[in-house]
Amino acid sequence: MIDELSASLAATVQAARVAQDLSVNALAERSGVSRAMIGKIERGEAQPTAVLLGRLSGALGMTLSELVTRAENTGELLRRAGDQPIWTDPVTGYQRRAVSPVTDGPLELVEVELPPGASVSYPADAYIFKYQQLWILDGQLRFHEGPVVHDLHTGDCLQLGPPSATTFHNPGTSSCRYLVALVKGRS
């Protein structure tokens, strides 16, 4: 059974593809995700991983966060803790909490919990339209930004550089929680 957010993500991916007049084949070619998987995602038959959503969002000209934000859009200016949607990657257990209300403003806050030993990688395309900072709330994170590796610990804050392929890895024995602050519209 697919949850409400996953169903909304499926519709959002399809709507973004159709709005750009892209066929499933064209999106598959751009993203490196198979046509069959895109079809399953759009029909709500498969829950996409964070990596697949990152590839699809980049191919659609938006970040993963922007794609998920579109799926979560409620129009409210206050998002209480109990109303902040949480999406869980079915493969890694990575959890993404949309902290910010969905608005047209430039700032977006996302809380992530990465289980011990888990890794999630994204292509450079996932970062084209935003400036981002990572603030480690609890635990440790090994963040690969292109060829550069940052070992981050509780309280550390990192400004991401120019868009590059990234990997978030939790080398610790407990979950790592971090806040991602994104500023839209700057390249």
Protein backbone atom coordinates (compact mmCIF):
# COMPACT_ATOMS: atom_id res chain seq x y z
CA MET A 1 0.00 0.00 0.00
CA ILE A 2 1.36 3.40 -0.95
CA ASP A 3 1.16 6.29 1.53
CA GLU A 4 -0.34 9.70 0.77
CA LEU A 5 3.00 11.48 0.27
CA SER A 6 4.28 8.75 -2.08
CA ALA A 7 1.07 8.99 -4.10
CA SER A 8 1.48 12.76 -4.28
CA LEU A 9 5.13 12.32 -5.36
CA ALA A 10 3.99 10.01 -8.16
CA ALA A 11 1.51 12.60 -9.42
CA THR A 12 4.08 15.40 -9.05
CA VAL A 13 6.72 13.56 -11.11
CA GLN A 14 4.17 12.88 -13.84
CA ALA A 15 2.85 16.47 -13.81
CA ALA A 16 6.38 17.91 -14.04
CA ARG A 17 7.22 15.58 -16.94
CA VAL A 18 4.01 16.42 -18.80
CA ALA A 19 4.41 20.18 -18.14
CA GLN A 20 7.79 20.02 -19.89
CA ASP A 21 6.29 18.02 -22.75
CA LEU A 22 8.66 15.14 -22.04
CA SER A 23 7.83 11.57 -22.95
CA VAL A 24 8.68 8.80 -20.51
CA ASN A 25 11.46 7.83 -22.95
CA ALA A 26 12.93 11.35 -22.91
CA LEU A 27 12.87 11.49 -19.11
CA ALA A 28 14.47 8.04 -18.94
CA GLU A 29 17.24 9.18 -21.27
CA ARG A 30 17.88 12.39 -19.31
CA SER A 31 17.76 10.77 -15.87
CA GLY A 32 19.29 7.34 -16.41
CA VAL A 33 16.18 5.80 -14.80
CA SER A 34 14.50 3.07 -16.84
CA ARG A 35 11.20 3.74 -18.61
CA ALA A 36 9.66 0.83 -16.72
CA MET A 37 10.66 2.28 -13.34
CA ILE A 38 9.40 5.75 -14.28
CA GLY A 39 6.08 4.19 -15.29
CA LYS A 40 5.84 2.29 -11.99
CA ILE A 41 6.66 5.45 -10.02
CA GLU A 42 4.10 7.56 -11.90
CA ARG A 43 1.40 4.90 -11.43
CA GLY A 44 2.22 4.63 -7.72
CA GLU A 45 3.25 0.98 -8.11
CA ALA A 46 6.79 1.55 -6.78
CA GLN A 47 8.01 3.76 -3.99
CA PRO A 48 11.08 5.55 -5.37
CA THR A 49 14.32 5.75 -3.44
CA ALA A 50 16.00 9.05 -2.62
CA VAL A 51 18.59 8.32 -5.32
CA LEU A 52 15.94 7.74 -8.01
CA LEU A 53 14.04 10.88 -6.98
CA GLY A 54 17.33 12.81 -7.12
CA ARG A 55 17.96 11.62 -10.68
CA LEU A 56 14.41 12.36 -11.80
CA SER A 57 14.31 15.79 -10.18
CA GLY A 58 17.64 16.76 -11.76
CA ALA A 59 16.41 15.64 -15.17
CA LEU A 60 13.27 17.72 -14.63
CA GLY A 61 15.37 20.82 -13.79
CA MET A 62 14.63 20.93 -10.07
CA THR A 63 16.17 19.72 -6.86
CA LEU A 64 14.93 16.71 -4.92
CA SER A 65 13.77 19.08 -2.22
CA GLU A 66 11.77 21.14 -4.72
CA LEU A 67 10.12 18.01 -6.11
CA VAL A 68 9.12 16.81 -2.65
CA THR A 69 7.97 20.31 -1.68
CA ARG A 70 5.63 20.41 -4.69
CA ALA A 71 4.18 17.07 -3.59
CA GLU A 72 3.66 18.37 -0.04
CA ASN A 73 2.10 21.72 -0.96
CA THR A 74 -0.74 22.64 1.40
CA GLY A 75 -0.69 26.45 1.05
CA GLU A 76 -0.42 26.99 4.83
CA LEU A 77 2.05 29.56 6.24
CA LEU A 78 2.44 27.68 9.54
CA ARG A 79 3.59 24.09 9.58
CA ARG A 80 3.31 22.66 13.08
CA ALA A 81 5.66 19.85 14.08
CA GLY A 82 2.88 17.28 13.91
CA ASP A 83 1.96 18.38 10.38
CA GLN A 84 5.48 18.25 8.92
CA PRO A 85 5.45 15.41 6.38
CA ILE A 86 8.09 12.74 6.72
CA TRP A 87 9.21 10.70 3.73
CA THR A 88 11.28 7.55 4.24
CA ASP A 89 13.54 6.06 1.59
CA PRO A 90 12.44 2.40 1.34
CA VAL A 91 16.00 1.17 0.74
CA THR A 92 18.23 3.12 3.15
CA GLY A 93 15.75 4.20 5.84
CA TYR A 94 16.77 7.84 5.21
CA GLN A 95 14.01 10.09 6.59
CA ARG A 96 13.27 13.56 5.26
CA ARG A 97 11.07 15.94 7.26
CA ALA A 98 9.77 19.04 5.47
CA VAL A 99 10.09 21.62 8.27
CA SER A 100 9.21 24.79 6.34
CA PRO A 101 5.73 25.76 5.24
CA VAL A 102 5.40 25.52 1.46
CA THR A 103 5.57 29.07 0.13
CA ASP A 104 6.99 30.95 -2.82
CA GLY A 105 9.71 32.36 -0.54
CA PRO A 106 13.39 31.64 -1.15
CA LEU A 107 14.16 29.71 2.08
CA GLU A 108 13.45 26.06 2.74
CA LEU A 109 14.38 23.98 5.80
CA VAL A 110 14.58 20.20 5.73
CA GLU A 111 15.52 17.88 8.60
CA VAL A 112 17.13 14.57 7.63
CA GLU A 113 17.82 11.48 9.70
CA LEU A 114 20.36 9.09 8.19
CA PRO A 115 20.61 5.65 9.84
CA PRO A 116 24.00 4.27 10.91
CA GLY A 117 26.00 2.93 7.96
CA ALA A 118 23.55 4.34 5.39
CA SER A 119 24.66 6.26 2.28
CA VAL A 120 22.67 8.31 -0.22
CA SER A 121 24.19 9.78 -3.40
CA TYR A 122 22.90 12.51 -5.71
CA PRO A 123 24.07 13.78 -9.10
CA ALA A 124 25.26 17.38 -9.50
CA ASP A 125 21.98 18.21 -11.29
CA ALA A 126 20.15 17.91 -7.97
CA TYR A 127 21.91 21.10 -6.76
CA ILE A 128 21.79 23.45 -9.73
CA PHE A 129 19.20 25.94 -8.52
CA LYS A 130 20.03 26.45 -4.85
CA TYR A 131 22.60 27.38 -2.25
CA GLN A 132 22.67 24.92 0.61
CA GLN A 133 24.09 24.62 4.07
CA LEU A 134 24.22 21.50 6.21
CA TRP A 135 24.01 21.85 10.00
CA ILE A 136 24.67 18.67 11.94
CA LEU A 137 22.17 18.41 14.80
CA ASP A 138 23.28 15.05 16.19
CA GLY A 139 25.84 12.41 15.22
CA GLN A 140 28.39 12.42 12.45
CA LEU A 141 28.20 12.73 8.69
CA ARG A 142 30.82 12.01 6.06
CA PHE A 143 29.81 14.25 3.18
CA HIS A 144 31.43 13.71 -0.23
CA GLU A 145 31.19 16.84 -2.36
CA GLY A 146 32.76 15.89 -5.66
CA PRO A 147 36.34 14.85 -4.79
CA VAL A 148 36.28 16.64 -1.40
CA VAL A 149 35.31 14.73 1.75
CA HIS A 150 34.01 16.59 4.82
CA ASP A 151 33.84 14.78 8.17
CA LEU A 152 31.15 16.66 10.08
CA HIS A 153 30.11 16.33 13.73
CA THR A 154 27.36 17.70 15.97
CA GLY A 155 27.20 21.50 15.66
CA ASP A 156 29.27 21.73 12.44
CA CYS A 157 27.79 23.76 9.58
CA LEU A 158 28.96 23.46 5.97
CA GLN A 159 28.18 25.74 3.02
CA LEU A 160 28.07 23.62 -0.13
CA GLY A 161 30.19 24.75 -3.05
CA PRO A 162 29.33 24.70 -6.76
CA PRO A 163 27.04 21.88 -7.90
CA SER A 164 28.78 18.51 -7.88
CA ALA A 165 27.91 14.89 -7.29
CA THR A 166 27.46 14.22 -3.57
CA THR A 167 27.24 11.34 -1.14
CA PHE A 168 25.84 11.58 2.38
CA HIS A 169 27.25 8.75 4.54
CA ASN A 170 26.75 8.05 8.22
CA PRO A 171 29.92 6.25 9.41
CA GLY A 172 28.68 6.19 13.02
CA THR A 173 26.84 3.63 15.12
CA SER A 174 23.86 5.90 15.79
CA SER A 175 21.59 7.95 13.55
CA CYS A 176 22.82 11.26 12.18
CA ARG A 177 20.32 14.14 12.16
CA TYR A 178 21.05 17.25 10.14
CA LEU A 179 19.27 20.32 8.90
CA VAL A 180 19.51 21.35 5.26
CA ALA A 181 18.90 25.06 4.65
CA LEU A 182 18.23 25.79 0.97
CA VAL A 183 17.94 29.13 -0.76
CA LYS A 184 16.03 28.96 -4.03
CA GLY A 185 16.64 30.91 -7.20
CA ARG A 186 20.38 31.46 -6.98
CA SER A 187 22.83 29.64 -9.17
